Protein backbone atom coordinates (compact mmCIF):
# COMPACT_ATOMS: atom_id res chain seq x y z
CA MET A 1 0.01 0.01 0.01
CA ALA A 2 2.84 2.43 0.90
CA LEU A 3 4.54 1.58 -2.41
CA LYS A 4 1.32 2.36 -4.24
CA ARG A 5 1.06 5.79 -2.49
CA LYS A 6 4.65 6.62 -3.31
CA PHE A 7 4.11 5.65 -6.93
CA LEU A 8 0.91 7.78 -7.15
CA GLY A 9 2.75 10.71 -5.46
CA PHE A 10 5.59 10.39 -7.92
CA MET A 11 3.15 10.33 -10.87
CA LEU A 12 1.35 13.39 -9.54
CA VAL A 13 4.58 15.32 -9.23
CA ALA A 14 5.70 14.25 -12.71
CA PHE A 15 2.34 15.29 -14.15
CA VAL A 16 2.45 18.72 -12.50
CA ILE A 17 6.05 19.35 -13.65
CA SER A 18 5.33 18.27 -17.24
CA GLY A 19 2.21 20.45 -17.35
CA GLY A 20 4.22 23.43 -16.11
CA LEU A 21 6.91 22.83 -18.73
CA LEU A 22 4.24 22.74 -21.42
CA LEU A 23 2.83 26.08 -20.18
CA VAL A 24 6.27 27.67 -20.09
CA SER A 25 7.21 26.42 -23.53
CA GLY A 26 3.87 27.62 -24.88
CA ALA A 27 4.40 31.06 -23.36
CA LEU A 28 7.88 31.26 -24.84
CA GLU A 29 6.55 30.26 -28.19
CA ILE A 30 3.92 33.00 -28.09
CA LYS A 31 6.43 35.56 -26.87
CA ASP A 32 8.94 34.76 -29.60
CA SER A 33 6.49 34.77 -32.51
CA LYS A 34 6.13 38.03 -34.45
CA PRO A 35 2.73 39.50 -35.11
CA PRO A 36 2.08 39.58 -38.84
CA ARG A 37 2.55 42.79 -40.77
CA GLN A 38 -0.80 44.15 -41.94
CA ILE A 39 -1.07 45.53 -45.48
CA GLU A 40 -4.19 46.70 -47.24
CA LEU A 41 -4.48 46.82 -51.05
CA VAL A 42 -7.65 48.50 -52.29
CA ALA A 43 -8.58 48.10 -55.97
CA ARG A 44 -10.07 51.41 -57.06
CA GLN A 45 -10.05 53.22 -60.40
CA MET A 46 -7.93 50.55 -62.04
CA ALA A 47 -5.07 50.69 -59.51
CA PHE A 48 -4.14 49.30 -56.10
CA ASN A 49 -4.08 52.12 -53.50
CA THR A 50 -4.18 54.68 -56.38
CA SER A 51 -0.49 54.22 -57.22
CA ASN A 52 0.34 50.47 -57.20
CA PRO A 53 2.89 50.99 -54.43
CA THR A 54 6.18 49.14 -54.08
CA ILE A 55 5.96 46.98 -50.91
CA ILE A 56 9.13 46.11 -49.02
CA LEU A 57 9.01 43.01 -46.82
CA LYS A 58 11.59 41.23 -44.70
CA LEU A 59 12.54 37.64 -45.23
CA GLY A 60 10.65 35.46 -42.75
CA GLU A 61 8.31 38.27 -41.77
CA PRO A 62 4.68 37.03 -41.43
CA VAL A 63 2.41 39.10 -43.69
CA VAL A 64 -1.36 39.56 -43.92
CA ILE A 65 -2.61 41.36 -47.00
CA LEU A 66 -6.25 42.46 -47.06
CA VAL A 67 -7.35 42.84 -50.70
CA LYS A 68 -10.54 44.88 -51.21
CA ASN A 69 -12.48 45.62 -54.35
CA ASP A 70 -13.82 49.15 -54.15
CA ASP A 71 -14.30 49.53 -57.91
CA PRO A 72 -18.03 49.48 -58.87
CA GLY A 73 -18.81 47.23 -61.79
CA MET A 74 -15.31 45.76 -61.98
CA LEU A 75 -13.87 42.36 -61.09
CA HIS A 76 -10.45 42.16 -59.47
CA ASP A 77 -8.05 39.65 -57.93
CA LEU A 78 -4.47 39.69 -56.71
CA VAL A 79 -1.58 37.48 -57.84
CA ILE A 80 1.93 37.66 -56.43
CA GLU A 81 4.24 36.00 -58.96
CA GLY A 82 7.04 33.88 -57.52
CA LEU A 83 5.65 33.76 -54.00
CA ASN A 84 2.73 31.43 -54.87
CA VAL A 85 0.21 33.85 -53.31
CA GLU A 86 -3.10 34.76 -54.90
CA THR A 87 -6.75 35.34 -54.06
CA SER A 88 -8.84 32.20 -54.09
CA THR A 89 -11.62 33.82 -56.06
CA THR A 90 -12.50 36.80 -58.18
CA LEU A 91 -13.54 39.75 -55.99
CA LYS A 92 -16.69 41.60 -56.94
CA TYR A 93 -17.37 45.13 -55.85
CA GLY A 94 -17.50 45.33 -52.04
CA GLN A 95 -15.80 41.97 -51.53
CA SER A 96 -12.45 41.38 -49.84
CA GLU A 97 -10.07 38.51 -49.05
CA THR A 98 -7.26 38.11 -46.57
CA LEU A 99 -4.00 36.52 -47.76
CA LYS A 100 -1.54 35.21 -45.19
CA PHE A 101 2.03 34.21 -46.03
CA THR A 102 5.65 34.43 -44.95
CA PRO A 103 8.27 35.18 -47.63
CA THR A 104 10.90 32.41 -47.72
CA GLN A 105 13.18 33.92 -50.32
CA THR A 106 14.62 37.35 -51.07
CA GLY A 107 14.18 39.14 -54.36
CA ARG A 108 11.76 41.22 -56.45
CA PHE A 109 8.29 39.88 -57.10
CA GLU A 110 5.51 41.34 -59.21
CA TYR A 111 1.95 41.60 -57.94
CA TYR A 112 -1.00 42.33 -60.23
CA CYS A 113 -4.67 41.94 -60.97
CA SER A 114 -4.96 39.26 -63.63
CA TYR A 115 -7.98 41.02 -65.19
CA HIS A 116 -6.22 44.37 -65.58
CA PHE A 117 -2.51 43.43 -65.45
CA GLN A 118 -1.41 46.26 -67.73
CA MET A 119 -2.64 48.97 -65.32
CA MET A 120 -2.83 47.22 -61.95
CA ARG A 121 0.67 46.01 -61.17
CA GLY A 122 3.33 46.73 -58.59
CA GLU A 123 6.41 45.26 -57.03
CA ILE A 124 7.17 43.48 -53.76
CA ILE A 125 10.80 43.51 -52.66
CA VAL A 126 11.80 40.98 -50.05
CA ILE A 127 15.01 41.88 -48.16
CA GLU A 128 16.99 40.10 -45.46
């Protein structure tokens, strides 16, 4: 009986310690993770943000791009060549989509609306 109590006591201590380690490691994981950078691209009058801005990102930086269609009567999407990022559907007026990604390579990458690629295009530069 005493051996059984010692064993149960040992198991309880081991359980509490392992639970504490999980909490600590989870807290460290949350503390070390970077919040994603928020970028908004609004399609309006055949351009993104009126000027198709150049966007500079850091390698490994989590990114969230909110793509909005604020162009009445027009269909838009967003494609980022070379980073394998694109909207999952065509956006009608008033619709939006959130794209989440983390650049894994440096370089220059073109973004564009595949419906109006001659006017709606810009550049993303990923630096170290």
